[in-house]
Amino acid sequence: MAGRKEEELKDLTLLGNQGTTYSFTYNPNLLEVFDNKHPDRDYFVKFNCPEFTTLCQ
């Protein structure tokens, strides 16, 4: 993740890890979060992934 210090990423273990094994059952532990470095900015997020699947309950 560009622009982040190692200290800010210390708790991330899944994000960006090519060896992550994903479950096909609901598992809220797979969601990793990090602080927004610029909470005063507006963001537009566009996610393009033709094979994205989500399990919502």
PDB file of N, CA and C in Angstrom:
ATOM      1  N   MET A   1       0.844  -1.175   0.000  1.00  0.00           N
ATOM      2  CA  MET A   1       0.000   0.000   0.000  1.00  0.00           C
ATOM      3  C   MET A   1       0.890   1.239   0.000  1.00  0.00           C
ATOM      4  N   ALA A   2       0.814   1.952  -1.037  1.00  0.00           N
ATOM      5  CA  ALA A   2       1.653   3.134  -1.186  1.00  0.00           C
ATOM      6  C   ALA A   2       1.260   4.212  -0.193  1.00  0.00           C
ATOM      7  N   GLY A   3       2.251   4.916   0.320  1.00  0.00           N
ATOM      8  CA  GLY A   3       1.994   6.039   1.201  1.00  0.00           C
ATOM      9  C   GLY A   3       1.730   5.669   2.641  1.00  0.00           C
ATOM     10  N   ARG A   4       1.897   4.427   3.000  1.00  0.00           N
ATOM     11  CA  ARG A   4       1.669   3.991   4.377  1.00  0.00           C
ATOM     12  C   ARG A   4       2.986   3.551   4.990  1.00  0.00           C
ATOM     13  N   LYS A   5       3.120   3.811   6.288  1.00  0.00           N
ATOM     14  CA  LYS A   5       4.320   3.396   7.012  1.00  0.00           C
ATOM     15  C   LYS A   5       4.115   1.973   7.522  1.00  0.00           C
ATOM     16  N   GLU A   6       5.202   1.263   7.746  1.00  0.00           N
ATOM     17  CA  GLU A   6       5.128  -0.114   8.253  1.00  0.00           C
ATOM     18  C   GLU A   6       4.307  -0.194   9.531  1.00  0.00           C
ATOM     19  N   GLU A   7       4.444   0.783  10.408  1.00  0.00           N
ATOM     20  CA  GLU A   7       3.697   0.798  11.668  1.00  0.00           C
ATOM     21  C   GLU A   7       2.189   0.818  11.421  1.00  0.00           C
ATOM     22  N   GLU A   8       1.756   1.516  10.381  1.00  0.00           N
ATOM     23  CA  GLU A   8       0.327   1.596  10.059  1.00  0.00           C
ATOM     24  C   GLU A   8      -0.211   0.283   9.505  1.00  0.00           C
ATOM     25  N   LEU A   9       0.652  -0.549   8.980  1.00  0.00           N
ATOM     26  CA  LEU A   9       0.237  -1.800   8.349  1.00  0.00           C
ATOM     27  C   LEU A   9       0.470  -3.028   9.220  1.00  0.00           C
ATOM     28  N   LYS A  10       0.963  -2.827  10.423  1.00  0.00           N
ATOM     29  CA  LYS A  10       1.390  -3.956  11.256  1.00  0.00           C
ATOM     30  C   LYS A  10       0.284  -4.952  11.574  1.00  0.00           C
ATOM     31  N   ASP A  11      -0.973  -4.491  11.624  1.00  0.00           N
ATOM     32  CA  ASP A  11      -2.074  -5.385  11.967  1.00  0.00           C
ATOM     33  C   ASP A  11      -2.736  -6.028  10.750  1.00  0.00           C
ATOM     34  N   LEU A  12      -2.304  -5.662   9.555  1.00  0.00           N
ATOM     35  CA  LEU A  12      -2.869  -6.246   8.341  1.00  0.00           C
ATOM     36  C   LEU A  12      -2.109  -7.513   7.990  1.00  0.00           C
ATOM     37  N   THR A  13      -2.841  -8.603   7.883  1.00  0.00           N
ATOM     38  CA  THR A  13      -2.202  -9.874   7.552  1.00  0.00           C
ATOM     39  C   THR A  13      -2.752 -10.471   6.267  1.00  0.00           C
ATOM     40  N   LEU A  14      -3.971 -10.084   5.873  1.00  0.00           N
ATOM     41  CA  LEU A  14      -4.610 -10.651   4.690  1.00  0.00           C
ATOM     42  C   LEU A  14      -4.493  -9.752   3.473  1.00  0.00           C
ATOM     43  N   LEU A  15      -4.670  -8.444   3.669  1.00  0.00           N
ATOM     44  CA  LEU A  15      -4.669  -7.489   2.579  1.00  0.00           C
ATOM     45  C   LEU A  15      -3.315  -7.477   1.885  1.00  0.00           C
ATOM     46  N   GLY A  16      -3.302  -7.811   0.594  1.00  0.00           N
ATOM     47  CA  GLY A  16      -2.068  -7.842  -0.172  1.00  0.00           C
ATOM     48  C   GLY A  16      -1.267  -9.126  -0.036  1.00  0.00           C
ATOM     49  N   ASN A  17      -1.737 -10.062   0.764  1.00  0.00           N
ATOM     50  CA  ASN A  17      -1.036 -11.325   0.967  1.00  0.00           C
ATOM     51  C   ASN A  17      -1.476 -12.319  -0.104  1.00  0.00           C
ATOM     52  N   GLN A  18      -0.552 -12.748  -0.942  1.00  0.00           N
ATOM     53  CA  GLN A  18      -0.877 -13.673  -2.027  1.00  0.00           C
ATOM     54  C   GLN A  18      -1.188 -15.087  -1.534  1.00  0.00           C
ATOM     55  N   GLY A  19      -0.876 -15.383  -0.274  1.00  0.00           N
ATOM     56  CA  GLY A  19      -1.108 -16.716   0.258  1.00  0.00           C
ATOM     57  C   GLY A  19      -2.384 -16.847   1.071  1.00  0.00           C
ATOM     58  N   THR A  20      -3.233 -15.827   1.048  1.00  0.00           N
ATOM     59  CA  THR A  20      -4.463 -15.858   1.835  1.00  0.00           C
ATOM     60  C   THR A  20      -5.404 -16.936   1.325  1.00  0.00           C
ATOM     61  N   THR A  21      -5.907 -17.760   2.227  1.00  0.00           N
ATOM     62  CA  THR A  21      -6.906 -18.767   1.907  1.00  0.00           C
ATOM     63  C   THR A  21      -8.263 -18.225   2.321  1.00  0.00           C
ATOM     64  N   TYR A  22      -9.187 -18.181   1.374  1.00  0.00           N
ATOM     65  CA  TYR A  22     -10.505 -17.628   1.650  1.00  0.00           C
ATOM     66  C   TYR A  22     -11.523 -18.725   1.879  1.00  0.00           C
ATOM     67  N   SER A  23     -12.426 -18.479   2.796  1.00  0.00           N
ATOM     68  CA  SER A  23     -13.492 -19.414   3.128  1.00  0.00           C
ATOM     69  C   SER A  23     -14.712 -19.101   2.273  1.00  0.00           C
ATOM     70  N   PHE A  24     -15.513 -20.097   1.984  1.00  0.00           N
ATOM     71  CA  PHE A  24     -16.746 -19.882   1.229  1.00  0.00           C
ATOM     72  C   PHE A  24     -17.955 -19.799   2.144  1.00  0.00           C
ATOM     73  N   THR A  25     -17.713 -19.687   3.421  1.00  0.00           N
ATOM     74  CA  THR A  25     -18.772 -19.441   4.389  1.00  0.00           C
ATOM     75  C   THR A  25     -18.504 -18.096   5.038  1.00  0.00           C
ATOM     76  N   TYR A  26     -19.535 -17.498   5.589  1.00  0.00           N
ATOM     77  CA  TYR A  26     -19.403 -16.169   6.185  1.00  0.00           C
ATOM     78  C   TYR A  26     -18.353 -16.166   7.290  1.00  0.00           C
ATOM     79  N   ASN A  27     -17.390 -15.261   7.176  1.00  0.00           N
ATOM     80  CA  ASN A  27     -16.341 -15.147   8.176  1.00  0.00           C
ATOM     81  C   ASN A  27     -15.963 -13.674   8.320  1.00  0.00           C
ATOM     82  N   PRO A  28     -16.523 -12.968   9.313  1.00  0.00           N
ATOM     83  CA  PRO A  28     -16.229 -11.541   9.468  1.00  0.00           C
ATOM     84  C   PRO A  28     -14.770 -11.254   9.794  1.00  0.00           C
ATOM     85  N   ASN A  29     -14.001 -12.253  10.175  1.00  0.00           N
ATOM     86  CA  ASN A  29     -12.583 -12.038  10.490  1.00  0.00           C
ATOM     87  C   ASN A  29     -11.742 -11.765   9.246  1.00  0.00           C
ATOM     88  N   LEU A  30     -12.296 -12.002   8.050  1.00  0.00           N
ATOM     89  CA  LEU A  30     -11.547 -11.744   6.826  1.00  0.00           C
ATOM     90  C   LEU A  30     -11.494 -10.262   6.481  1.00  0.00           C
ATOM     91  N   LEU A  31     -12.367  -9.461   7.072  1.00  0.00           N
ATOM     92  CA  LEU A  31     -12.392  -8.037   6.777  1.00  0.00           C
ATOM     93  C   LEU A  31     -11.350  -7.321   7.624  1.00  0.00           C
ATOM     94  N   GLU A  32     -10.384  -6.710   6.969  1.00  0.00           N
ATOM     95  CA  GLU A  32      -9.357  -5.948   7.667  1.00  0.00           C
ATOM     96  C   GLU A  32      -9.605  -4.466   7.438  1.00  0.00           C
ATOM     97  N   VAL A  33      -9.349  -3.671   8.440  1.00  0.00           N
ATOM     98  CA  VAL A  33      -9.581  -2.232   8.350  1.00  0.00           C
ATOM     99  C   VAL A  33      -8.319  -1.477   8.730  1.00  0.00           C
ATOM    100  N   PHE A  34      -8.261  -0.241   8.305  1.00  0.00           N
ATOM    101  CA  PHE A  34      -7.156   0.636   8.687  1.00  0.00           C
ATOM    102  C   PHE A  34      -7.689   2.048   8.733  1.00  0.00           C
ATOM    103  N   ASP A  35      -7.021   2.909   9.493  1.00  0.00           N
ATOM    104  CA  ASP A  35      -7.450   4.291   9.655  1.00  0.00           C
ATOM    105  C   ASP A  35      -7.318   5.064   8.352  1.00  0.00           C
ATOM    106  N   ASN A  36      -8.266   5.963   8.129  1.00  0.00           N
ATOM    107  CA  ASN A  36      -8.219   6.867   6.986  1.00  0.00           C
ATOM    108  C   ASN A  36      -7.226   7.973   7.308  1.00  0.00           C
ATOM    109  N   LYS A  37      -6.184   8.084   6.501  1.00  0.00           N
ATOM    110  CA  LYS A  37      -5.155   9.101   6.751  1.00  0.00           C
ATOM    111  C   LYS A  37      -5.660  10.510   6.463  1.00  0.00           C
ATOM    112  N   HIS A  38      -6.730  10.638   5.694  1.00  0.00           N
ATOM    113  CA  HIS A  38      -7.245  11.951   5.298  1.00  0.00           C
ATOM    114  C   HIS A  38      -8.766  11.988   5.457  1.00  0.00           C
ATOM    115  N   PRO A  39      -9.291  11.948   6.687  1.00  0.00           N
ATOM    116  CA  PRO A  39     -10.744  11.899   6.885  1.00  0.00           C
ATOM    117  C   PRO A  39     -11.473  13.161   6.409  1.00  0.00           C
ATOM    118  N   ASP A  40     -10.752  14.235   6.174  1.00  0.00           N
ATOM    119  CA  ASP A  40     -11.370  15.479   5.723  1.00  0.00           C
ATOM    120  C   ASP A  40     -11.600  15.496   4.207  1.00  0.00           C
ATOM    121  N   ARG A  41     -11.144  14.493   3.488  1.00  0.00           N
ATOM    122  CA  ARG A  41     -11.292  14.421   2.027  1.00  0.00           C
ATOM    123  C   ARG A  41     -12.498  13.569   1.644  1.00  0.00           C
ATOM    124  N   ASP A  42     -13.125  13.924   0.516  1.00  0.00           N
ATOM    125  CA  ASP A  42     -14.166  13.086  -0.067  1.00  0.00           C
ATOM    126  C   ASP A  42     -13.489  12.067  -0.985  1.00  0.00           C
ATOM    127  N   TYR A  43     -14.047  10.860  -1.057  1.00  0.00           N
ATOM    128  CA  TYR A  43     -13.463   9.805  -1.870  1.00  0.00           C
ATOM    129  C   TYR A  43     -14.493   9.236  -2.830  1.00  0.00           C
ATOM    130  N   PHE A  44     -14.044   8.828  -3.985  1.00  0.00           N
ATOM    131  CA  PHE A  44     -14.824   8.055  -4.937  1.00  0.00           C
ATOM    132  C   PHE A  44     -14.057   6.760  -5.126  1.00  0.00           C
ATOM    133  N   VAL A  45     -14.671   5.643  -4.786  1.00  0.00           N
ATOM    134  CA  VAL A  45     -14.002   4.350  -4.886  1.00  0.00           C
ATOM    135  C   VAL A  45     -14.696   3.535  -5.965  1.00  0.00           C
ATOM    136  N   LYS A  46     -13.919   3.047  -6.902  1.00  0.00           N
ATOM    137  CA  LYS A  46     -14.448   2.210  -7.971  1.00  0.00           C
ATOM    138  C   LYS A  46     -13.681   0.901  -7.946  1.00  0.00           C
ATOM    139  N   PHE A  47     -14.395  -0.186  -7.829  1.00  0.00           N
ATOM    140  CA  PHE A  47     -13.784  -1.507  -7.731  1.00  0.00           C
ATOM    141  C   PHE A  47     -14.200  -2.319  -8.954  1.00  0.00           C
ATOM    142  N   ASN A  48     -13.260  -2.640  -9.824  1.00  0.00           N
ATOM    143  CA  ASN A  48     -13.532  -3.441 -11.012  1.00  0.00           C
ATOM    144  C   ASN A  48     -12.961  -4.832 -10.825  1.00  0.00           C
ATOM    145  N   CYS A  49     -13.830  -5.805 -10.749  1.00  0.00           N
ATOM    146  CA  CYS A  49     -13.394  -7.195 -10.619  1.00  0.00           C
ATOM    147  C   CYS A  49     -14.523  -8.087 -11.128  1.00  0.00           C
ATOM    148  N   PRO A  50     -14.418  -8.625 -12.326  1.00  0.00           N
ATOM    149  CA  PRO A  50     -15.520  -9.399 -12.901  1.00  0.00           C
ATOM    150  C   PRO A  50     -15.820 -10.701 -12.153  1.00  0.00           C
ATOM    151  N   GLU A  51     -14.924 -11.161 -11.310  1.00  0.00           N
ATOM    152  CA  GLU A  51     -15.147 -12.415 -10.596  1.00  0.00           C
ATOM    153  C   GLU A  51     -15.383 -12.207  -9.112  1.00  0.00           C
ATOM    154  N   PHE A  52     -15.737 -10.985  -8.706  1.00  0.00           N
ATOM    155  CA  PHE A  52     -15.959 -10.690  -7.299  1.00  0.00           C
ATOM    156  C   PHE A  52     -17.245 -11.331  -6.808  1.00  0.00           C
ATOM    157  N   THR A  53     -17.196 -12.017  -5.703  1.00  0.00           N
ATOM    158  CA  THR A  53     -18.370 -12.638  -5.094  1.00  0.00           C
ATOM    159  C   THR A  53     -18.403 -12.236  -3.629  1.00  0.00           C
ATOM    160  N   THR A  54     -19.585 -11.969  -3.129  1.00  0.00           N
ATOM    161  CA  THR A  54     -19.718 -11.642  -1.724  1.00  0.00           C
ATOM    162  C   THR A  54     -20.821 -12.482  -1.093  1.00  0.00           C
ATOM    163  N   LEU A  55     -20.668 -12.776   0.163  1.00  0.00           N
ATOM    164  CA  LEU A  55     -21.677 -13.514   0.917  1.00  0.00           C
ATOM    165  C   LEU A  55     -22.281 -12.535   1.920  1.00  0.00           C
ATOM    166  N   CYS A  56     -23.462 -12.055   1.643  1.00  0.00           N
ATOM    167  CA  CYS A  56     -24.122 -11.088   2.518  1.00  0.00           C
ATOM    168  C   CYS A  56     -25.242 -11.768   3.292  1.00  0.00           C
ATOM    169  N   GLN A  57     -25.400 -11.376   4.540  1.00  0.00           N
ATOM    170  CA  GLN A  57     -26.479 -11.932   5.349  1.00  0.00           C
ATOM    171  C   GLN A  57     -27.318 -10.819   5.910  1.00  0.00           C
TER     172      GLN A  57
END
